[in-house]
Amino acid sequence: GNRNVEELLPEATREMFLQGSAGVWERGDLQVINVTS
């Protein structure tokens, strides 16, 4: 809710999001499939 689509496109931001996803998913083989506004 606190981001625009342009802010999720950089690789560094997506890696930070994957780190947060790994904490709740409890898995490490995560990858971003789609980013939609």
PDB file of all heavy atoms in Angstrom:
ATOM      1  N   GLY A   1       0.771  -1.223   0.000  1.00  0.00           N
ATOM      2  CA  GLY A   1       0.000   0.000   0.000  1.00  0.00           C
ATOM      3  C   GLY A   1       0.804   1.275   0.000  1.00  0.00           C
ATOM      4  O   GLY A   1       0.283   2.332  -0.360  1.00  0.00           O
ATOM      5  N   ASN A   2       2.076   1.232   0.383  1.00  0.00           N
ATOM      6  CA  ASN A   2       2.878   2.456   0.510  1.00  0.00           C
ATOM      7  C   ASN A   2       3.917   2.581  -0.589  1.00  0.00           C
ATOM      8  O   ASN A   2       4.972   3.190  -0.395  1.00  0.00           O
ATOM      9  CB  ASN A   2       3.568   2.485   1.875  1.00  0.00           C
ATOM     10  CG  ASN A   2       4.545   1.338   2.060  1.00  0.00           C
ATOM     11  OD1 ASN A   2       4.411   0.292   1.419  1.00  0.00           O
ATOM     12  ND2 ASN A   2       5.526   1.525   2.912  1.00  0.00           N
ATOM     13  N   ARG A   3       3.647   2.016  -1.748  1.00  0.00           N
ATOM     14  CA  ARG A   3       4.601   2.104  -2.859  1.00  0.00           C
ATOM     15  C   ARG A   3       3.851   2.328  -4.161  1.00  0.00           C
ATOM     16  O   ARG A   3       2.684   1.955  -4.309  1.00  0.00           O
ATOM     17  CB  ARG A   3       5.444   0.825  -2.970  1.00  0.00           C
ATOM     18  CG  ARG A   3       6.353   0.555  -1.785  1.00  0.00           C
ATOM     19  CD  ARG A   3       7.551   1.445  -1.781  1.00  0.00           C
ATOM     20  NE  ARG A   3       8.417   1.204  -0.624  1.00  0.00           N
ATOM     21  CZ  ARG A   3       9.737   1.248  -0.657  1.00  0.00           C
ATOM     22  NH1 ARG A   3      10.351   1.521  -1.795  1.00  0.00           N
ATOM     23  NH2 ARG A   3      10.441   1.043   0.437  1.00  0.00           N
ATOM     24  N   ASN A   4       4.560   2.929  -5.125  1.00  0.00           N
ATOM     25  CA  ASN A   4       4.108   3.014  -6.504  1.00  0.00           C
ATOM     26  C   ASN A   4       4.812   1.942  -7.324  1.00  0.00           C
ATOM     27  O   ASN A   4       5.816   1.363  -6.894  1.00  0.00           O
ATOM     28  CB  ASN A   4       4.381   4.398  -7.091  1.00  0.00           C
ATOM     29  CG  ASN A   4       3.535   5.471  -6.445  1.00  0.00           C
ATOM     30  OD1 ASN A   4       2.447   5.192  -5.955  1.00  0.00           O
ATOM     31  ND2 ASN A   4       4.029   6.689  -6.417  1.00  0.00           N
ATOM     32  N   VAL A   5       4.297   1.690  -8.507  1.00  0.00           N
ATOM     33  CA  VAL A   5       4.864   0.611  -9.307  1.00  0.00           C
ATOM     34  C   VAL A   5       6.291   0.928  -9.722  1.00  0.00           C
ATOM     35  O   VAL A   5       7.134   0.023  -9.839  1.00  0.00           O
ATOM     36  CB  VAL A   5       3.961   0.351 -10.537  1.00  0.00           C
ATOM     37  CG1 VAL A   5       3.944   1.551 -11.466  1.00  0.00           C
ATOM     38  CG2 VAL A   5       4.414  -0.896 -11.281  1.00  0.00           C
ATOM     39  N   GLU A   6       6.631   2.215  -9.927  1.00  0.00           N
ATOM     40  CA  GLU A   6       7.990   2.562 -10.325  1.00  0.00           C
ATOM     41  C   GLU A   6       8.991   2.280  -9.219  1.00  0.00           C
ATOM     42  O   GLU A   6      10.172   2.049  -9.500  1.00  0.00           O
ATOM     43  CB  GLU A   6       8.063   4.042 -10.728  1.00  0.00           C
ATOM     44  CG  GLU A   6       7.296   4.391 -11.985  1.00  0.00           C
ATOM     45  CD  GLU A   6       5.815   4.597 -11.729  1.00  0.00           C
ATOM     46  OE1 GLU A   6       5.419   4.519 -10.546  1.00  0.00           O
ATOM     47  OE2 GLU A   6       5.069   4.826 -12.700  1.00  0.00           O
ATOM     48  N   GLU A   7       8.529   2.294  -7.978  1.00  0.00           N
ATOM     49  CA  GLU A   7       9.442   2.069  -6.857  1.00  0.00           C
ATOM     50  C   GLU A   7       9.766   0.600  -6.653  1.00  0.00           C
ATOM     51  O   GLU A   7      10.721   0.277  -5.948  1.00  0.00           O
ATOM     52  CB  GLU A   7       8.827   2.651  -5.581  1.00  0.00           C
ATOM     53  CG  GLU A   7       8.562   4.136  -5.648  1.00  0.00           C
ATOM     54  CD  GLU A   7       7.847   4.665  -4.418  1.00  0.00           C
ATOM     55  OE1 GLU A   7       7.492   3.841  -3.543  1.00  0.00           O
ATOM     56  OE2 GLU A   7       7.639   5.880  -4.330  1.00  0.00           O
ATOM     57  N   LEU A   8       8.980  -0.302  -7.237  1.00  0.00           N
ATOM     58  CA  LEU A   8       9.249  -1.739  -7.111  1.00  0.00           C
ATOM     59  C   LEU A   8      10.028  -2.291  -8.283  1.00  0.00           C
ATOM     60  O   LEU A   8      10.371  -3.478  -8.284  1.00  0.00           O
ATOM     61  CB  LEU A   8       7.932  -2.504  -6.965  1.00  0.00           C
ATOM     62  CG  LEU A   8       7.450  -2.849  -5.551  1.00  0.00           C
ATOM     63  CD1 LEU A   8       8.435  -3.778  -4.857  1.00  0.00           C
ATOM     64  CD2 LEU A   8       7.239  -1.596  -4.717  1.00  0.00           C
ATOM     65  N   LEU A   9      10.310  -1.480  -9.297  1.00  0.00           N
ATOM     66  CA  LEU A   9      11.019  -1.982 -10.462  1.00  0.00           C
ATOM     67  C   LEU A   9      12.516  -2.133 -10.237  1.00  0.00           C
ATOM     68  O   LEU A   9      13.121  -3.054 -10.802  1.00  0.00           O
ATOM     69  CB  LEU A   9      10.750  -1.063 -11.672  1.00  0.00           C
ATOM     70  CG  LEU A   9       9.299  -1.033 -12.172  1.00  0.00           C
ATOM     71  CD1 LEU A   9       9.169  -0.086 -13.357  1.00  0.00           C
ATOM     72  CD2 LEU A   9       8.819  -2.417 -12.549  1.00  0.00           C
ATOM     73  N   PRO A  10      13.205  -1.280  -9.470  1.00  0.00           N
ATOM     74  CA  PRO A  10      14.644  -1.474  -9.266  1.00  0.00           C
ATOM     75  C   PRO A  10      14.955  -2.818  -8.618  1.00  0.00           C
ATOM     76  O   PRO A  10      14.203  -3.328  -7.774  1.00  0.00           O
ATOM     77  CB  PRO A  10      15.036  -0.292  -8.365  1.00  0.00           C
ATOM     78  CG  PRO A  10      13.999   0.738  -8.620  1.00  0.00           C
ATOM     79  CD  PRO A  10      12.730  -0.028  -8.860  1.00  0.00           C
ATOM     80  N   GLU A  11      16.062  -3.376  -9.006  1.00  0.00           N
ATOM     81  CA  GLU A  11      16.433  -4.705  -8.509  1.00  0.00           C
ATOM     82  C   GLU A  11      16.678  -4.695  -7.016  1.00  0.00           C
ATOM     83  O   GLU A  11      16.332  -5.655  -6.310  1.00  0.00           O
ATOM     84  CB  GLU A  11      17.670  -5.205  -9.256  1.00  0.00           C
ATOM     85  CG  GLU A  11      18.072  -6.622  -8.869  1.00  0.00           C
ATOM     86  CD  GLU A  11      19.271  -7.118  -9.667  1.00  0.00           C
ATOM     87  OE1 GLU A  11      19.767  -6.349 -10.534  1.00  0.00           O
ATOM     88  OE2 GLU A  11      19.704  -8.261  -9.442  1.00  0.00           O
ATOM     89  N   ALA A  12      17.278  -3.630  -6.503  1.00  0.00           N
ATOM     90  CA  ALA A  12      17.563  -3.578  -5.068  1.00  0.00           C
ATOM     91  C   ALA A  12      16.274  -3.597  -4.247  1.00  0.00           C
ATOM     92  O   ALA A  12      16.194  -4.261  -3.201  1.00  0.00           O
ATOM     93  CB  ALA A  12      18.376  -2.325  -4.746  1.00  0.00           C
ATOM     94  N   THR A  13      15.242  -2.886  -4.713  1.00  0.00           N
ATOM     95  CA  THR A  13      13.972  -2.875  -3.987  1.00  0.00           C
ATOM     96  C   THR A  13      13.295  -4.232  -4.052  1.00  0.00           C
ATOM     97  O   THR A  13      12.702  -4.701  -3.071  1.00  0.00           O
ATOM     98  CB  THR A  13      13.053  -1.792  -4.563  1.00  0.00           C
ATOM     99  OG1 THR A  13      13.746  -0.548  -4.614  1.00  0.00           O
ATOM    100  CG2 THR A  13      11.806  -1.636  -3.720  1.00  0.00           C
ATOM    101  N   ARG A  14      13.383  -4.888  -5.210  1.00  0.00           N
ATOM    102  CA  ARG A  14      12.772  -6.220  -5.322  1.00  0.00           C
ATOM    103  C   ARG A  14      13.495  -7.231  -4.443  1.00  0.00           C
ATOM    104  O   ARG A  14      12.869  -8.136  -3.874  1.00  0.00           O
ATOM    105  CB  ARG A  14      12.764  -6.655  -6.782  1.00  0.00           C
ATOM    106  CG  ARG A  14      11.724  -5.912  -7.613  1.00  0.00           C
ATOM    107  CD  ARG A  14      11.582  -6.464  -9.008  1.00  0.00           C
ATOM    108  NE  ARG A  14      12.652  -6.020  -9.875  1.00  0.00           N
ATOM    109  CZ  ARG A  14      13.608  -6.790 -10.369  1.00  0.00           C
ATOM    110  NH1 ARG A  14      13.609  -8.083 -10.086  1.00  0.00           N
ATOM    111  NH2 ARG A  14      14.546  -6.301 -11.155  1.00  0.00           N
ATOM    112  N   GLU A  15      14.806  -7.113  -4.326  1.00  0.00           N
ATOM    113  CA  GLU A  15      15.537  -8.017  -3.444  1.00  0.00           C
ATOM    114  C   GLU A  15      15.140  -7.791  -1.988  1.00  0.00           C
ATOM    115  O   GLU A  15      15.013  -8.747  -1.213  1.00  0.00           O
ATOM    116  CB  GLU A  15      17.038  -7.799  -3.621  1.00  0.00           C
ATOM    117  CG  GLU A  15      17.581  -8.292  -4.952  1.00  0.00           C
ATOM    118  CD  GLU A  15      17.459  -9.798  -5.109  1.00  0.00           C
ATOM    119  OE1 GLU A  15      17.448 -10.503  -4.068  1.00  0.00           O
ATOM    120  OE2 GLU A  15      17.371 -10.272  -6.250  1.00  0.00           O
ATOM    121  N   MET A  16      14.911  -6.537  -1.611  1.00  0.00           N
ATOM    122  CA  MET A  16      14.453  -6.251  -0.257  1.00  0.00           C
ATOM    123  C   MET A  16      13.069  -6.844  -0.015  1.00  0.00           C
ATOM    124  O   MET A  16      12.775  -7.363   1.071  1.00  0.00           O
ATOM    125  CB  MET A  16      14.441  -4.740  -0.029  1.00  0.00           C
ATOM    126  CG  MET A  16      14.114  -4.315   1.395  1.00  0.00           C
ATOM    127  SD  MET A  16      14.006  -2.509   1.545  1.00  0.00           S
ATOM    128  CE  MET A  16      15.620  -2.039   0.898  1.00  0.00           C
ATOM    129  N   PHE A  17      12.221  -6.784  -1.052  1.00  0.00           N
ATOM    130  CA  PHE A  17      10.888  -7.366  -0.910  1.00  0.00           C
ATOM    131  C   PHE A  17      10.971  -8.884  -0.798  1.00  0.00           C
ATOM    132  O   PHE A  17      10.201  -9.503  -0.044  1.00  0.00           O
ATOM    133  CB  PHE A  17      10.022  -6.967  -2.096  1.00  0.00           C
ATOM    134  CG  PHE A  17       8.587  -7.359  -1.960  1.00  0.00           C
ATOM    135  CD1 PHE A  17       7.685  -6.552  -1.278  1.00  0.00           C
ATOM    136  CD2 PHE A  17       8.120  -8.551  -2.504  1.00  0.00           C
ATOM    137  CE1 PHE A  17       6.351  -6.918  -1.146  1.00  0.00           C
ATOM    138  CE2 PHE A  17       6.802  -8.928  -2.369  1.00  0.00           C
ATOM    139  CZ  PHE A  17       5.900  -8.108  -1.687  1.00  0.00           C
ATOM    140  N   LEU A  18      11.865  -9.497  -1.530  1.00  0.00           N
ATOM    141  CA  LEU A  18      12.025 -10.951  -1.431  1.00  0.00           C
ATOM    142  C   LEU A  18      12.529 -11.369  -0.062  1.00  0.00           C
ATOM    143  O   LEU A  18      12.162 -12.437   0.445  1.00  0.00           O
ATOM    144  CB  LEU A  18      12.975 -11.434  -2.521  1.00  0.00           C
ATOM    145  CG  LEU A  18      12.435 -11.418  -3.959  1.00  0.00           C
ATOM    146  CD1 LEU A  18      13.503 -11.879  -4.936  1.00  0.00           C
ATOM    147  CD2 LEU A  18      11.198 -12.290  -4.088  1.00  0.00           C
ATOM    148  N   GLN A  19      13.365 -10.544   0.541  1.00  0.00           N
ATOM    149  CA  GLN A  19      13.820 -10.858   1.892  1.00  0.00           C
ATOM    150  C   GLN A  19      12.664 -10.830   2.879  1.00  0.00           C
ATOM    151  O   GLN A  19      12.561 -11.695   3.753  1.00  0.00           O
ATOM    152  CB  GLN A  19      14.904  -9.862   2.307  1.00  0.00           C
ATOM    153  CG  GLN A  19      16.194  -9.985   1.523  1.00  0.00           C
ATOM    154  CD  GLN A  19      17.220  -8.946   1.922  1.00  0.00           C
ATOM    155  OE1 GLN A  19      17.001  -8.165   2.858  1.00  0.00           O
ATOM    156  NE2 GLN A  19      18.347  -8.921   1.230  1.00  0.00           N
ATOM    157  N   GLY A  20      11.775  -9.837   2.733  1.00  0.00           N
ATOM    158  CA  GLY A  20      10.598  -9.824   3.589  1.00  0.00           C
ATOM    159  C   GLY A  20       9.671 -10.995   3.318  1.00  0.00           C
ATOM    160  O   GLY A  20       9.065 -11.542   4.246  1.00  0.00           O
ATOM    161  N   SER A  21       9.546 -11.393   2.034  1.00  0.00           N
ATOM    162  CA  SER A  21       8.702 -12.543   1.694  1.00  0.00           C
ATOM    163  C   SER A  21       9.277 -13.832   2.256  1.00  0.00           C
ATOM    164  O   SER A  21       8.527 -14.718   2.690  1.00  0.00           O
ATOM    165  CB  SER A  21       8.564 -12.642   0.178  1.00  0.00           C
ATOM    166  OG  SER A  21       8.040 -11.455  -0.363  1.00  0.00           O
ATOM    167  N   ALA A  22      10.613 -13.950   2.247  1.00  0.00           N
ATOM    168  CA  ALA A  22      11.233 -15.162   2.784  1.00  0.00           C
ATOM    169  C   ALA A  22      10.977 -15.307   4.271  1.00  0.00           C
ATOM    170  O   ALA A  22      10.916 -16.428   4.797  1.00  0.00           O
ATOM    171  CB  ALA A  22      12.735 -15.138   2.503  1.00  0.00           C
ATOM    172  N   GLY A  23      10.802 -14.185   4.989  1.00  0.00           N
ATOM    173  CA  GLY A  23      10.545 -14.277   6.419  1.00  0.00           C
ATOM    174  C   GLY A  23       9.177 -14.838   6.733  1.00  0.00           C
ATOM    175  O   GLY A  23       9.028 -15.604   7.693  1.00  0.00           O
ATOM    176  N   VAL A  24       8.157 -14.484   5.957  1.00  0.00           N
ATOM    177  CA  VAL A  24       6.807 -14.996   6.219  1.00  0.00           C
ATOM    178  C   VAL A  24       6.542 -16.308   5.487  1.00  0.00           C
ATOM    179  O   VAL A  24       5.672 -17.078   5.873  1.00  0.00           O
ATOM    180  CB  VAL A  24       5.750 -13.947   5.822  1.00  0.00           C
ATOM    181  CG1 VAL A  24       5.896 -12.696   6.672  1.00  0.00           C
ATOM    182  CG2 VAL A  24       5.859 -13.591   4.348  1.00  0.00           C
ATOM    183  N   TRP A  25       7.264 -16.556   4.384  1.00  0.00           N
ATOM    184  CA  TRP A  25       7.092 -17.793   3.623  1.00  0.00           C
ATOM    185  C   TRP A  25       7.925 -18.922   4.219  1.00  0.00           C
ATOM    186  O   TRP A  25       7.647 -20.095   3.990  1.00  0.00           O
ATOM    187  CB  TRP A  25       7.495 -17.562   2.174  1.00  0.00           C
ATOM    188  CG  TRP A  25       6.873 -18.522   1.190  1.00  0.00           C
ATOM    189  CD1 TRP A  25       6.897 -19.883   1.230  1.00  0.00           C
ATOM    190  CD2 TRP A  25       6.127 -18.178   0.012  1.00  0.00           C
ATOM    191  NE1 TRP A  25       6.241 -20.427   0.159  1.00  0.00           N
ATOM    192  CE2 TRP A  25       5.749 -19.399  -0.610  1.00  0.00           C
ATOM    193  CE3 TRP A  25       5.763 -16.975  -0.575  1.00  0.00           C
ATOM    194  CZ2 TRP A  25       5.025 -19.423  -1.791  1.00  0.00           C
ATOM    195  CZ3 TRP A  25       5.047 -16.997  -1.743  1.00  0.00           C
ATOM    196  CH2 TRP A  25       4.673 -18.211  -2.349  1.00  0.00           C
ATOM    197  N   GLU A  26       8.981 -18.548   4.929  1.00  0.00           N
ATOM    198  CA  GLU A  26       9.917 -19.500   5.524  1.00  0.00           C
ATOM    199  C   GLU A  26      10.603 -20.350   4.453  1.00  0.00           C
ATOM    200  O   GLU A  26      10.886 -21.526   4.645  1.00  0.00           O
ATOM    201  CB  GLU A  26       9.199 -20.399   6.538  1.00  0.00           C
ATOM    202  CG  GLU A  26       8.555 -19.638   7.680  1.00  0.00           C
ATOM    203  CD  GLU A  26       7.798 -20.541   8.624  1.00  0.00           C
ATOM    204  OE1 GLU A  26       7.784 -21.769   8.379  1.00  0.00           O
ATOM    205  OE2 GLU A  26       7.220 -20.020   9.590  1.00  0.00           O
ATOM    206  N   ARG A  27      10.843 -19.724   3.313  1.00  0.00           N
ATOM    207  CA  ARG A  27      11.540 -20.388   2.213  1.00  0.00           C
ATOM    208  C   ARG A  27      12.530 -19.396   1.613  1.00  0.00           C
ATOM    209  O   ARG A  27      12.401 -18.177   1.761  1.00  0.00           O
ATOM    210  CB  ARG A  27      10.558 -20.851   1.125  1.00  0.00           C
ATOM    211  CG  ARG A  27       9.550 -21.875   1.576  1.00  0.00           C
ATOM    212  CD  ARG A  27      10.195 -23.219   1.907  1.00  0.00           C
ATOM    213  NE  ARG A  27       9.213 -24.244   2.220  1.00  0.00           N
ATOM    214  CZ  ARG A  27       8.692 -24.464   3.408  1.00  0.00           C
ATOM    215  NH1 ARG A  27       9.056 -23.682   4.423  1.00  0.00           N
ATOM    216  NH2 ARG A  27       7.812 -25.437   3.607  1.00  0.00           N
ATOM    217  N   GLY A  28      13.520 -19.932   0.901  1.00  0.00           N
ATOM    218  CA  GLY A  28      14.536 -19.078   0.309  1.00  0.00           C
ATOM    219  C   GLY A  28      14.545 -19.064  -1.199  1.00  0.00           C
ATOM    220  O   GLY A  28      15.246 -18.256  -1.807  1.00  0.00           O
ATOM    221  N   ASP A  29      13.775 -19.957  -1.831  1.00  0.00           N
ATOM    222  CA  ASP A  29      13.776 -20.037  -3.302  1.00  0.00           C
ATOM    223  C   ASP A  29      12.644 -19.200  -3.896  1.00  0.00           C
ATOM    224  O   ASP A  29      11.850 -19.679  -4.699  1.00  0.00           O
ATOM    225  CB  ASP A  29      13.651 -21.493  -3.753  1.00  0.00           C
ATOM    226  CG  ASP A  29      12.357 -22.141  -3.258  1.00  0.00           C
ATOM    227  OD1 ASP A  29      11.845 -21.693  -2.211  1.00  0.00           O
ATOM    228  OD2 ASP A  29      11.869 -23.061  -3.925  1.00  0.00           O
ATOM    229  N   LEU A  30      12.564 -17.947  -3.511  1.00  0.00           N
ATOM    230  CA  LEU A  30      11.495 -17.076  -3.965  1.00  0.00           C
ATOM    231  C   LEU A  30      11.978 -16.221  -5.131  1.00  0.00           C
ATOM    232  O   LEU A  30      13.149 -15.888  -5.235  1.00  0.00           O
ATOM    233  CB  LEU A  30      11.011 -16.161  -2.826  1.00  0.00           C
ATOM    234  CG  LEU A  30      10.497 -16.868  -1.573  1.00  0.00           C
ATOM    235  CD1 LEU A  30      10.098 -15.855  -0.521  1.00  0.00           C
ATOM    236  CD2 LEU A  30       9.325 -17.773  -1.902  1.00  0.00           C
ATOM    237  N   GLN A  31      11.046 -15.871  -5.982  1.00  0.00           N
ATOM    238  CA  GLN A  31      11.332 -14.990  -7.105  1.00  0.00           C
ATOM    239  C   GLN A  31      10.090 -14.176  -7.431  1.00  0.00           C
ATOM    240  O   GLN A  31       8.961 -14.637  -7.258  1.00  0.00           O
ATOM    241  CB  GLN A  31      11.766 -15.792  -8.336  1.00  0.00           C
ATOM    242  CG  GLN A  31      10.779 -16.861  -8.768  1.00  0.00           C
ATOM    243  CD  GLN A  31      11.238 -17.621  -9.992  1.00  0.00           C
ATOM    244  OE1 GLN A  31      11.698 -17.025 -10.956  1.00  0.00           O
ATOM    245  NE2 GLN A  31      11.138 -18.943  -9.948  1.00  0.00           N
ATOM    246  N   VAL A  32      10.332 -12.936  -7.891  1.00  0.00           N
ATOM    247  CA  VAL A  32       9.243 -12.045  -8.263  1.00  0.00           C
ATOM    248  C   VAL A  32       8.757 -12.427  -9.652  1.00  0.00           C
ATOM    249  O   VAL A  32       9.534 -12.480 -10.605  1.00  0.00           O
ATOM    250  CB  VAL A  32       9.699 -10.578  -8.223  1.00  0.00           C
ATOM    251  CG1 VAL A  32       8.580  -9.662  -8.698  1.00  0.00           C
ATOM    252  CG2 VAL A  32      10.119 -10.190  -6.810  1.00  0.00           C
ATOM    253  N   ILE A  33       7.461 -12.679  -9.787  1.00  0.00           N
ATOM    254  CA  ILE A  33       6.867 -13.092 -11.053  1.00  0.00           C
ATOM    255  C   ILE A  33       6.222 -11.924 -11.774  1.00  0.00           C
ATOM    256  O   ILE A  33       6.343 -11.781 -12.993  1.00  0.00           O
ATOM    257  CB  ILE A  33       5.830 -14.214 -10.820  1.00  0.00           C
ATOM    258  CG1 ILE A  33       6.500 -15.421 -10.170  1.00  0.00           C
ATOM    259  CG2 ILE A  33       5.168 -14.618 -12.123  1.00  0.00           C
ATOM    260  CD1 ILE A  33       5.540 -16.542  -9.847  1.00  0.00           C
ATOM    261  N   ASN A  34       5.551 -11.062 -11.037  1.00  0.00           N
ATOM    262  CA  ASN A  34       4.795  -9.992 -11.677  1.00  0.00           C
ATOM    263  C   ASN A  34       4.691  -8.809 -10.733  1.00  0.00           C
ATOM    264  O   ASN A  34       4.586  -8.974  -9.515  1.00  0.00           O
ATOM    265  CB  ASN A  34       3.393 -10.482 -12.066  1.00  0.00           C
ATOM    266  CG  ASN A  34       2.658  -9.484 -12.935  1.00  0.00           C
ATOM    267  OD1 ASN A  34       3.256  -8.527 -13.415  1.00  0.00           O
ATOM    268  ND2 ASN A  34       1.374  -9.688 -13.131  1.00  0.00           N
ATOM    269  N   VAL A  35       4.740  -7.612 -11.329  1.00  0.00           N
ATOM    270  CA  VAL A  35       4.562  -6.360 -10.597  1.00  0.00           C
ATOM    271  C   VAL A  35       3.511  -5.556 -11.349  1.00  0.00           C
ATOM    272  O   VAL A  35       3.716  -5.197 -12.511  1.00  0.00           O
ATOM    273  CB  VAL A  35       5.872  -5.571 -10.466  1.00  0.00           C
ATOM    274  CG1 VAL A  35       5.626  -4.251  -9.762  1.00  0.00           C
ATOM    275  CG2 VAL A  35       6.924  -6.390  -9.722  1.00  0.00           C
ATOM    276  N   THR A  36       2.380  -5.278 -10.697  1.00  0.00           N
ATOM    277  CA  THR A  36       1.264  -4.598 -11.344  1.00  0.00           C
ATOM    278  C   THR A  36       0.777  -3.464 -10.458  1.00  0.00           C
ATOM    279  O   THR A  36       0.660  -3.630  -9.243  1.00  0.00           O
ATOM    280  CB  THR A  36       0.102  -5.569 -11.610  1.00  0.00           C
ATOM    281  OG1 THR A  36       0.582  -6.696 -12.344  1.00  0.00           O
ATOM    282  CG2 THR A  36      -0.995  -4.892 -12.407  1.00  0.00           C
ATOM    283  N   SER A  37       0.491  -2.339 -11.067  1.00  0.00           N
ATOM    284  CA  SER A  37      -0.049  -1.209 -10.321  1.00  0.00           C
ATOM    285  C   SER A  37      -1.470  -1.515  -9.884  1.00  0.00           C
ATOM    286  O   SER A  37      -2.235  -2.191 -10.583  1.00  0.00           O
ATOM    287  CB  SER A  37      -0.016   0.063 -11.173  1.00  0.00           C
ATOM    288  OG  SER A  37      -0.707   1.120 -10.529  1.00  0.00           O
TER     289      SER A  37
END
